[in-house]
Amino acid sequence: MSIFWALMIPVIIFLGIIIPTWIVFHYITLWMRMRSGDSADPTASAELDELRGLADRLEQRLVSIETILDADAPDWRHK
């Protein structure tokens, strides 16, 4: 039984102290990166730019559709 406790004490210390500290510092690091504007993923900014472009294109399409609907059925917004 003493070997069991000899192995359990380091495991309990690891699970109770090391892992929570590691998790806290991990999220502190992520928070600091977000505040400074750095990104852990270098492609994140490119993907964000691509999504902004897509959103702009979708907005232009919506404006076009609304313009067409305004010409064809002027009261479509009130139904």
Protein backbone atom coordinates (compact mmCIF):
# COMPACT_ATOMS: atom_id res chain seq x y z
CA MET A 1 0.00 0.00 0.00
CA SER A 2 2.90 2.41 0.55
CA ILE A 3 3.90 2.24 -3.13
CA PHE A 4 0.36 3.23 -4.03
CA TRP A 5 0.60 6.34 -1.84
CA ALA A 6 4.10 7.02 -3.07
CA LEU A 7 2.70 7.28 -6.59
CA MET A 8 -0.54 9.00 -5.65
CA ILE A 9 1.03 11.95 -3.81
CA PRO A 10 2.91 13.28 -6.90
CA VAL A 11 -0.20 12.70 -9.03
CA ILE A 12 -2.37 14.63 -6.57
CA ILE A 13 0.15 17.48 -6.45
CA PHE A 14 0.33 17.52 -10.25
CA LEU A 15 -3.46 17.53 -10.65
CA GLY A 16 -4.10 19.95 -7.83
CA ILE A 17 -1.36 22.54 -8.34
CA ILE A 18 0.52 22.18 -11.63
CA ILE A 19 -2.38 21.70 -14.06
CA PRO A 20 -4.59 24.54 -12.71
CA THR A 21 -1.59 26.89 -12.72
CA TRP A 22 -0.73 25.80 -16.27
CA ILE A 23 -4.31 26.45 -17.44
CA VAL A 24 -4.43 29.88 -15.79
CA PHE A 25 -1.15 30.97 -17.38
CA HIS A 26 -2.24 29.58 -20.75
CA TYR A 27 -5.37 31.74 -20.76
CA ILE A 28 -3.47 34.75 -19.44
CA THR A 29 -1.11 34.37 -22.39
CA LEU A 30 -4.02 34.15 -24.84
CA TRP A 31 -5.64 37.21 -23.27
CA MET A 32 -2.39 39.19 -23.56
CA ARG A 33 -2.03 38.18 -27.22
CA MET A 34 -5.58 39.34 -27.93
CA ARG A 35 -4.95 42.68 -26.21
CA SER A 36 -1.73 43.31 -28.12
CA GLY A 37 -3.30 42.36 -31.45
CA ASP A 38 -0.99 39.43 -32.05
CA SER A 39 -2.52 36.25 -33.35
CA ALA A 40 -1.34 32.76 -32.56
CA ASP A 41 -2.42 31.73 -36.05
CA PRO A 42 -0.80 33.71 -38.88
CA THR A 43 -3.60 32.78 -41.28
CA ALA A 44 -6.30 34.15 -38.96
CA SER A 45 -5.93 37.67 -40.30
CA ALA A 46 -6.12 36.44 -43.90
CA GLU A 47 -9.23 34.43 -43.10
CA LEU A 48 -10.77 37.43 -41.37
CA ASP A 49 -10.07 39.61 -44.42
CA GLU A 50 -11.64 36.96 -46.64
CA LEU A 51 -14.74 36.85 -44.44
CA ARG A 52 -15.00 40.64 -44.50
CA GLY A 53 -14.85 40.58 -48.29
CA LEU A 54 -17.53 37.92 -48.39
CA ALA A 55 -19.74 39.94 -46.03
CA ASP A 56 -19.30 43.03 -48.22
CA ARG A 57 -20.27 41.05 -51.34
CA LEU A 58 -23.33 39.64 -49.60
CA GLU A 59 -24.35 43.11 -48.46
CA GLN A 60 -24.05 44.41 -52.03
CA ARG A 61 -26.21 41.52 -53.26
CA LEU A 62 -28.82 42.29 -50.63
CA VAL A 63 -28.90 45.95 -51.66
CA SER A 64 -29.34 44.86 -55.29
CA ILE A 65 -32.19 42.53 -54.39
CA GLU A 66 -33.88 45.25 -52.33
CA THR A 67 -33.55 47.68 -55.24
CA ILE A 68 -35.15 45.17 -57.61
CA LEU A 69 -37.96 44.44 -55.16
CA ASP A 70 -38.55 48.16 -54.61
CA ALA A 71 -38.98 48.60 -58.37
CA ASP A 72 -41.23 45.53 -58.83
CA ALA A 73 -43.32 45.66 -55.65
CA PRO A 74 -43.00 48.95 -53.77
CA ASP A 75 -44.93 47.75 -50.74
CA TRP A 76 -42.99 44.50 -50.17
CA ARG A 77 -41.43 45.83 -46.97
CA HIS A 78 -44.79 46.42 -45.34
CA LYS A 79 -46.19 42.89 -45.76
